[in-house]
Protein backbone atom coordinates (compact mmCIF):
# COMPACT_ATOMS: atom_id res chain seq x y z
CA MET A 1 24.02 -150.22 -164.13
CA PRO A 2 24.68 -147.85 -166.81
CA VAL A 3 26.42 -148.59 -170.05
CA ARG A 4 28.30 -145.80 -171.50
CA GLU A 5 30.19 -145.21 -175.23
CA PHE A 6 33.71 -144.58 -174.07
CA SER A 7 36.54 -142.86 -176.66
CA ASP A 8 39.85 -141.85 -176.38
CA ASP A 9 41.37 -140.21 -178.91
CA ALA A 10 44.50 -138.33 -177.22
CA VAL A 11 46.05 -142.16 -177.67
CA ASP A 12 47.30 -144.05 -180.84
CA PRO A 13 45.74 -146.47 -181.52
CA LYS A 14 42.81 -144.81 -180.29
CA VAL A 15 40.19 -146.66 -177.93
CA HIS A 16 36.94 -146.80 -178.87
CA GLY A 17 34.25 -149.34 -176.96
CA PHE A 18 31.71 -148.92 -174.08
CA VAL A 19 31.95 -148.83 -169.57
CA HIS A 20 29.86 -150.92 -168.05
CA LEU A 21 29.79 -148.86 -164.46
CA PRO A 22 28.98 -151.38 -161.38
CA ASP A 23 26.09 -150.02 -158.76
CA ASN A 24 28.71 -151.24 -156.22
CA PRO A 25 32.03 -151.00 -157.38
CA ASN A 26 34.96 -153.51 -156.33
CA GLY A 27 38.25 -151.20 -157.81
CA ASP A 28 38.62 -153.68 -160.25
CA GLY A 29 38.55 -153.41 -163.73
CA PHE A 30 37.90 -155.92 -167.04
CA VAL A 31 38.90 -155.16 -170.37
CA LEU A 32 37.30 -157.32 -173.12
CA THR A 33 37.41 -157.52 -176.70
CA HIS A 34 36.01 -159.52 -179.63
CA GLY A 35 36.81 -161.98 -182.30
CA ALA A 36 37.88 -161.29 -185.83
CA GLY A 37 34.58 -160.95 -187.73
CA SER A 38 32.86 -159.43 -184.57
CA SER A 39 32.93 -155.76 -182.58
CA ALA A 40 32.67 -154.80 -178.87
CA ALA A 41 28.66 -154.96 -179.52
CA ALA A 42 28.48 -158.71 -179.55
CA PRO A 43 25.89 -160.22 -177.91
CA LEU A 44 28.75 -162.70 -175.65
CA LEU A 45 30.87 -160.07 -174.51
CA VAL A 46 27.91 -157.51 -174.02
CA ALA A 47 26.62 -161.01 -171.57
CA LEU A 48 30.12 -160.77 -170.15
CA ALA A 49 30.22 -157.33 -169.39
CA GLU A 50 26.86 -157.38 -167.16
CA MET A 51 27.65 -160.74 -165.36
CA LEU A 52 31.00 -158.80 -164.46
CA SER A 53 29.60 -155.56 -163.66
CA ALA A 54 27.12 -156.61 -161.57
CA ASN A 55 29.35 -158.34 -159.15
CA GLY A 56 31.72 -155.27 -159.05
CA PHE A 57 33.68 -154.74 -161.97
CA THR A 58 34.25 -151.67 -164.05
CA VAL A 59 33.73 -153.29 -167.36
CA LEU A 60 35.27 -151.92 -170.25
CA ARG A 61 34.24 -153.47 -173.92
CA CYS A 62 36.18 -151.92 -176.67
CA ASP A 63 36.87 -152.42 -180.24
CA LEU A 64 40.20 -153.17 -181.48
CA PRO A 65 41.75 -151.34 -184.10
CA TYR A 66 41.26 -152.88 -186.85
CA ARG A 67 37.20 -152.51 -186.03
CA GLN A 68 37.52 -149.16 -185.39
CA PHE A 69 38.94 -148.77 -189.27
CA LYS A 70 37.02 -150.72 -190.88
CA SER A 71 33.21 -151.53 -190.02
CA PHE A 72 33.25 -155.65 -190.91
CA GLY A 73 35.52 -158.35 -192.03
CA PRO A 74 38.90 -159.77 -190.47
CA PRO A 75 41.33 -157.91 -189.45
CA GLY A 76 44.47 -157.99 -192.32
CA PRO A 77 47.72 -160.31 -191.63
CA GLY A 78 49.93 -157.36 -190.32
CA ASP A 79 47.01 -156.13 -187.88
CA GLY A 80 48.07 -157.81 -184.72
CA ALA A 81 50.91 -155.50 -183.41
CA ARG A 82 48.55 -152.74 -183.39
CA ASP A 83 45.61 -154.48 -182.25
CA ARG A 84 47.71 -155.78 -179.16
CA ALA A 85 48.84 -151.46 -178.59
CA GLY A 86 45.42 -150.72 -178.80
CA LEU A 87 44.58 -153.07 -175.65
CA LYS A 88 47.41 -151.68 -173.53
CA ASN A 89 46.01 -148.53 -174.29
CA ALA A 90 42.24 -149.73 -173.34
CA LEU A 91 44.16 -151.19 -170.13
CA ALA A 92 45.58 -147.47 -169.17
CA ALA A 93 42.31 -145.90 -169.99
CA LEU A 94 40.68 -148.38 -167.61
CA LYS A 95 43.28 -147.80 -165.08
CA LYS A 96 42.12 -144.27 -164.45
CA MET A 97 38.22 -145.43 -163.87
CA ALA A 98 39.34 -148.83 -161.88
CA PRO A 99 42.31 -148.39 -159.52
CA GLY A 100 42.32 -151.91 -158.23
CA ARG A 101 43.09 -155.16 -160.17
CA LEU A 102 43.25 -155.16 -163.95
CA PHE A 103 41.82 -158.00 -165.95
CA LEU A 104 41.87 -158.68 -169.52
CA GLY A 105 39.37 -161.15 -171.96
CA GLY A 106 38.93 -161.52 -175.33
CA HIS A 107 36.82 -163.96 -177.88
CA SER A 108 39.02 -165.77 -180.45
CA TYR A 109 41.48 -163.40 -182.11
CA GLY A 110 40.80 -161.12 -179.24
CA GLY A 111 42.07 -163.29 -176.76
CA ARG A 112 45.09 -164.76 -178.66
CA GLN A 113 46.14 -161.12 -179.10
CA SER A 114 45.28 -160.30 -175.12
CA SER A 115 47.07 -163.73 -174.32
CA MET A 116 50.17 -162.40 -177.09
CA LEU A 117 50.03 -158.78 -175.20
CA CYS A 118 50.67 -160.51 -171.65
CA ALA A 119 53.33 -162.78 -172.99
CA GLU A 120 55.46 -159.58 -174.01
CA ASP A 121 54.35 -157.79 -170.70
CA PRO A 122 52.97 -159.99 -168.07
CA ALA A 123 52.74 -156.91 -165.60
CA LEU A 124 49.33 -155.31 -167.68
CA ALA A 125 47.06 -157.88 -166.21
CA SER A 126 46.36 -160.00 -163.25
CA ALA A 127 44.53 -162.32 -165.18
CA LEU A 128 43.43 -163.36 -168.81
CA LEU A 129 40.09 -164.50 -169.53
CA LEU A 130 40.37 -166.51 -173.19
CA LEU A 131 36.95 -167.47 -174.63
CA SER A 132 36.97 -169.46 -177.42
CA TYR A 133 41.11 -169.49 -178.06
CA PRO A 134 41.78 -169.99 -181.89
CA LEU A 135 44.55 -172.98 -181.43
CA HIS A 136 44.70 -173.27 -185.01
CA PRO A 137 42.28 -173.10 -188.07
CA PRO A 138 39.64 -175.07 -188.56
CA ARG A 139 40.46 -178.73 -190.35
CA LYS A 140 44.13 -177.69 -189.93
CA PRO A 141 45.77 -178.67 -186.92
CA GLU A 142 49.22 -178.48 -187.84
CA GLN A 143 49.09 -174.94 -188.14
CA GLN A 144 49.52 -174.16 -183.86
CA ARG A 145 49.21 -170.68 -182.22
CA THR A 146 51.20 -171.41 -179.70
CA GLN A 147 54.69 -170.08 -180.31
CA HIS A 148 54.12 -167.47 -177.52
CA LEU A 149 52.25 -169.57 -175.04
CA PRO A 150 55.56 -170.69 -173.13
CA ASP A 151 56.36 -167.15 -172.07
CA LEU A 152 52.90 -166.83 -170.91
CA ARG A 153 53.33 -166.07 -167.15
CA THR A 154 50.06 -164.36 -166.34
CA PRO A 155 47.11 -166.73 -164.53
CA THR A 156 44.62 -167.61 -167.25
CA LEU A 157 40.97 -168.98 -167.38
CA PHE A 158 40.38 -170.90 -170.84
CA VAL A 159 36.33 -171.67 -171.95
CA GLN A 160 36.37 -174.06 -174.58
CA GLY A 161 33.00 -175.52 -176.19
CA THR A 162 33.44 -179.46 -177.04
CA ARG A 163 32.34 -178.50 -180.42
CA ASP A 164 34.63 -176.15 -181.41
CA PRO A 165 36.51 -176.52 -184.59
CA PHE A 166 39.46 -174.39 -183.81
CA GLY A 167 40.59 -176.81 -180.91
CA SER A 168 39.25 -179.51 -179.53
CA ILE A 169 39.51 -180.39 -175.84
CA ALA A 170 42.18 -182.67 -175.83
CA GLU A 171 44.41 -180.52 -178.09
CA MET A 172 43.62 -177.98 -175.70
CA GLU A 173 44.94 -179.50 -172.78
CA ARG A 174 48.27 -180.11 -174.56
CA ALA A 175 48.90 -176.79 -175.38
CA LEU A 176 48.11 -175.06 -171.59
CA LYS A 177 50.90 -177.43 -170.76
CA MET A 178 53.32 -175.10 -172.48
CA ILE A 179 52.65 -172.53 -170.07
CA PRO A 180 54.86 -172.14 -167.25
CA ALA A 181 51.85 -169.87 -165.39
CA THR A 182 48.77 -171.11 -163.42
CA THR A 183 45.84 -172.06 -165.86
CA LYS A 184 42.25 -173.49 -166.01
CA LEU A 185 40.72 -174.77 -168.67
CA MET A 186 36.50 -174.43 -168.33
CA VAL A 187 35.11 -177.11 -170.75
CA VAL A 188 31.53 -175.67 -171.60
CA GLU A 189 29.54 -179.17 -173.03
CA GLY A 190 27.47 -178.79 -176.81
CA VAL A 191 28.57 -175.90 -177.81
CA GLY A 192 30.82 -174.17 -180.85
CA HIS A 193 33.14 -170.99 -181.21
CA ASP A 194 30.16 -169.37 -180.12
CA LEU A 195 30.21 -170.40 -176.51
CA GLY A 196 26.37 -170.58 -177.38
CA PHE A 197 25.82 -167.21 -178.75
CA LYS A 198 24.71 -167.53 -182.18
CA GLY A 199 21.98 -165.32 -183.52
CA LYS A 200 19.46 -164.88 -180.94
CA ALA A 201 20.51 -167.73 -178.88
CA ARG A 202 21.79 -166.87 -175.21
CA ASN A 203 23.77 -169.74 -173.43
CA GLU A 204 24.20 -167.48 -170.18
CA GLU A 205 24.51 -170.32 -167.38
CA PRO A 206 28.10 -171.17 -167.96
CA LEU A 207 29.04 -166.99 -167.43
CA ALA A 208 28.31 -167.38 -163.73
CA THR A 209 30.93 -170.47 -163.71
CA VAL A 210 33.09 -168.17 -165.36
CA LEU A 211 33.78 -165.66 -162.36
CA VAL A 212 33.95 -168.40 -159.93
CA GLU A 213 36.87 -170.29 -162.03
CA LEU A 214 38.27 -166.77 -162.43
CA GLN A 215 38.40 -166.34 -158.42
CA LYS A 216 40.02 -169.45 -158.18
CA LEU A 217 42.91 -168.79 -160.16
CA GLU A 218 46.11 -167.56 -157.77
CA VAL A 219 45.57 -164.23 -158.94
CA GLY A 220 48.14 -161.44 -157.61
CA SER A 221 46.96 -158.04 -156.31
């Protein structure tokens, strides 16, 4: 399955990342993006993209606009709106390669921005995949990042480790009750915010389950 670098400089914000082209395309596309301290090269995203591509999806792993602007460090307080605009452009770029359904997924900050984008525009994606949703900063459970969840009408799969300091399983279960869309919480035992992809560690076993659970969601065409 070939992987090639991809750029669309004709839009603002620009789209930059890597496209995984399946040997047997199913017509559907999947945009994946990264967390606050990472990039499109994150091992978790690479492994997930390879799995999805092997199952027929055309996958675009993209760098958010803040990461295109600076090579390291977290996004700034005012970067969110531009990062969401970048994700919208990435979906539009992928639609030209995958005419079927579009899916959107992200790890941590990337997932949060993906969910906020879909709350603003539910027609953009058929379903969401939110990996390690950052429900609150570590040790600050009072700072809930849930304001947009009552507006989320896109079917959503949450994947959360039992040792994630950004949100316990019980906290996630309460948050999901705020969402009017179909949701599913997939629990990964014994892992933290990195979902088992830390250093050279590669916990790829749950990835196949991600696809199974996504397919169970009430995904529209």
